[in-house]
């Protein structure tokens, strides 16, 4: 992979969410979402960006092909304001370093737009070796494991953190 860009999420990117809403792509997320949930998520991405509470992007290669999505949003983590990152890469772009490169770009963006928040967190499923490796390769530290309800069922996740002040 030569170069990637992160393009701000737009209203027309709903189809990318649909492409990622398969049993294979959501195996570590407790399954697929309904069409209404996808519509709601698309609207939420746009609304939160406009409100300054999130920055969601489409990952594109130098030919402007959409390879996935990545972003961060405001959260409370261990009783202090933080950012949480999340991402996906479409199947035909997986295993090529796309997520790791995109997370590196996102970290740079988070440092610039963190709004005084010190930590960037990520919570991939304990079973998602790929996303856990992406965190590790980008300098995150695994600080624990947490089980929470996600999409209506328990999900056990590794708790990764990166100090944006470093």
Protein backbone atom coordinates (compact mmCIF):
# COMPACT_ATOMS: atom_id res chain seq x y z
CA UNK A 1 0.00 0.00 0.00
CA UNK A 2 1.65 3.21 -1.19
CA UNK A 3 -0.50 5.99 0.22
CA UNK A 4 -3.78 6.45 1.99
CA UNK A 5 -5.92 9.46 2.66
CA UNK A 6 -8.64 9.99 5.21
CA UNK A 7 -11.59 11.81 3.68
CA UNK A 8 -14.31 13.21 5.97
CA UNK A 9 -17.45 11.07 6.09
CA UNK A 10 -20.29 12.36 3.88
CA UNK A 11 -23.99 11.63 3.56
CA UNK A 12 -23.24 9.61 0.41
CA UNK A 13 -21.07 7.09 2.28
CA UNK A 14 -23.99 4.99 3.53
CA UNK A 15 -23.17 2.32 0.92
CA UNK A 16 -19.80 1.74 2.60
CA UNK A 17 -21.61 0.93 5.85
CA UNK A 18 -23.79 -1.51 3.92
CA UNK A 19 -20.72 -3.22 2.42
CA UNK A 20 -19.33 -3.76 5.92
CA UNK A 21 -22.63 -5.04 7.33
CA UNK A 22 -22.10 -8.73 6.60
CA UNK A 23 -21.85 -11.68 8.98
CA UNK A 24 -18.14 -11.99 8.20
CA UNK A 25 -17.40 -8.30 8.76
CA UNK A 26 -19.43 -8.11 11.98
CA UNK A 27 -18.38 -11.43 13.51
CA UNK A 28 -16.46 -9.60 16.27
CA UNK A 29 -19.26 -7.06 16.80
CA UNK A 30 -22.17 -9.34 17.75
CA UNK A 31 -23.61 -9.41 14.24
CA UNK A 32 -25.15 -7.28 11.54
CA UNK A 33 -27.23 -4.15 11.96
CA UNK A 34 -30.69 -3.52 10.51
CA UNK A 35 -31.13 -1.06 7.65
CA UNK A 36 -32.58 1.47 10.12
CA UNK A 37 -29.54 1.07 12.38
CA UNK A 38 -27.27 1.76 9.39
CA UNK A 39 -29.29 4.87 8.48
CA UNK A 40 -29.10 6.02 12.09
CA UNK A 41 -25.34 5.42 12.26
CA UNK A 42 -24.75 7.34 9.01
CA UNK A 43 -26.77 10.28 10.37
CA UNK A 44 -24.95 10.07 13.72
CA UNK A 45 -21.53 10.24 12.02
CA UNK A 46 -22.58 13.46 10.26
CA UNK A 47 -24.29 14.99 13.29
CA UNK A 48 -21.41 14.29 15.68
CA UNK A 49 -18.83 15.70 13.24
CA UNK A 50 -20.86 18.89 12.88
CA UNK A 51 -21.17 19.15 16.68
CA UNK A 52 -17.41 18.66 17.12
CA UNK A 53 -17.93 15.42 19.08
CA UNK A 54 -16.47 12.99 16.50
CA UNK A 55 -14.32 12.84 13.40
CA UNK A 56 -15.30 10.00 11.07
CA UNK A 57 -13.45 9.31 7.83
CA UNK A 58 -13.48 7.12 4.75
CA UNK A 59 -10.14 5.41 4.15
CA UNK A 60 -9.16 5.82 0.49
CA UNK A 61 -6.18 4.73 -1.57
CA UNK A 62 -4.38 7.01 -4.02
CA UNK A 63 -6.92 6.02 -6.71
CA UNK A 64 -9.72 7.30 -4.42
CA UNK A 65 -11.15 3.80 -3.89
CA UNK A 66 -12.94 3.46 -0.55
CA UNK A 67 -11.22 0.80 1.54
CA UNK A 68 -13.03 1.25 4.84
CA UNK A 69 -13.77 3.70 7.58
CA UNK A 70 -11.98 5.00 10.67
CA UNK A 71 -12.70 7.67 13.21
CA UNK A 72 -12.83 8.78 16.80
CA UNK A 73 -15.46 10.19 19.12
CA UNK A 74 -15.65 11.70 22.59
CA UNK A 75 -16.09 9.31 25.51
CA UNK A 76 -15.55 9.11 29.25
CA UNK A 77 -12.83 6.57 30.04
CA UNK A 78 -11.89 5.77 33.63
CA UNK A 79 -13.73 8.87 34.80
CA UNK A 80 -11.99 11.33 32.49
CA UNK A 81 -12.68 12.73 29.03
CA UNK A 82 -11.03 10.68 26.28
CA UNK A 83 -11.42 9.71 22.63
CA UNK A 84 -12.37 6.27 21.36
CA UNK A 85 -11.26 5.03 17.94
CA UNK A 86 -12.96 2.47 15.72
CA UNK A 87 -12.43 1.22 12.18
CA UNK A 88 -13.17 -1.37 9.55
CA UNK A 89 -11.51 -2.36 6.28
CA UNK A 90 -13.43 -4.02 3.44
CA UNK A 91 -12.47 -7.67 2.83
CA UNK A 92 -10.52 -7.20 -0.41
CA UNK A 93 -8.26 -4.62 1.29
CA UNK A 94 -7.63 -6.61 4.48
CA UNK A 95 -4.20 -8.03 5.27
CA UNK A 96 -2.40 -5.25 3.39
CA UNK A 97 -1.65 -2.88 6.26
CA UNK A 98 -4.56 -0.55 5.47
CA UNK A 99 -5.92 -0.39 9.04
CA UNK A 100 -2.47 0.18 10.56
CA UNK A 101 -1.63 2.97 8.12
CA UNK A 102 -5.05 4.57 8.57
CA UNK A 103 -4.76 4.42 12.36
CA UNK A 104 -1.40 6.18 12.13
CA UNK A 105 -3.08 8.98 10.16
CA UNK A 106 -5.96 9.07 12.62
CA UNK A 107 -3.58 9.38 15.57
CA UNK A 108 -2.04 12.45 13.92
CA UNK A 109 -5.53 13.89 13.42
CA UNK A 110 -6.53 13.08 17.00
CA UNK A 111 -3.46 14.87 18.35
CA UNK A 112 -4.48 17.94 16.38
CA UNK A 113 -8.22 17.79 17.19
CA UNK A 114 -8.32 16.18 20.64
CA UNK A 115 -10.00 19.10 22.35
CA UNK A 116 -7.84 18.78 25.46
CA UNK A 117 -8.45 15.05 25.77
CA UNK A 118 -5.27 13.18 26.64
CA UNK A 119 -6.06 9.56 25.73
CA UNK A 120 -7.14 7.74 22.59
CA UNK A 121 -8.73 4.39 23.40
CA UNK A 122 -9.81 1.38 21.34
CA UNK A 123 -11.82 -1.68 22.34
CA UNK A 124 -11.51 -4.53 19.83
CA UNK A 125 -12.99 -7.89 20.70
CA UNK A 126 -10.55 -10.20 22.45
CA UNK A 127 -11.17 -12.55 19.49
CA UNK A 128 -10.24 -9.97 16.84
CA UNK A 129 -6.52 -10.66 16.36
CA UNK A 130 -6.28 -8.26 13.42
CA UNK A 131 -7.59 -5.19 15.23
CA UNK A 132 -5.64 -6.00 18.38
CA UNK A 133 -2.50 -6.17 16.24
CA UNK A 134 -3.34 -2.80 14.67
CA UNK A 135 -3.45 -1.27 18.17
CA UNK A 136 -0.16 -2.88 19.17
CA UNK A 137 1.62 -1.78 15.96
CA UNK A 138 0.49 1.82 16.52
CA UNK A 139 1.89 2.14 20.02
CA UNK A 140 -1.24 1.54 22.07
CA UNK A 141 -0.82 -0.17 25.44
CA UNK A 142 -3.24 -2.93 26.46
CA UNK A 143 -4.39 -2.04 29.97
CA UNK A 144 -7.15 -4.55 30.58
CA UNK A 145 -10.15 -6.45 29.36
CA UNK A 146 -13.75 -5.36 29.74
CA UNK A 147 -17.10 -7.02 29.03
CA UNK A 148 -19.99 -4.77 28.07
CA UNK A 149 -23.25 -5.00 26.17
CA UNK A 150 -22.84 -4.23 22.47
CA UNK A 151 -25.62 -4.69 19.91
CA UNK A 152 -27.74 -6.43 22.50
CA UNK A 153 -25.26 -9.05 23.74
CA UNK A 154 -22.17 -9.26 25.92
CA UNK A 155 -18.89 -8.55 24.15
CA UNK A 156 -15.49 -9.04 25.78
CA UNK A 157 -12.99 -6.50 24.53
CA UNK A 158 -9.36 -5.66 25.08
CA UNK A 159 -8.88 -2.17 26.45
CA UNK A 160 -6.12 -0.32 24.55
CA UNK A 161 -4.92 3.23 25.26
CA UNK A 162 -2.52 5.69 23.64
CA UNK A 163 -1.33 8.85 25.40
CA UNK A 164 -1.81 11.61 22.82
CA UNK A 165 0.41 13.95 24.83
CA UNK A 166 3.51 11.81 24.11
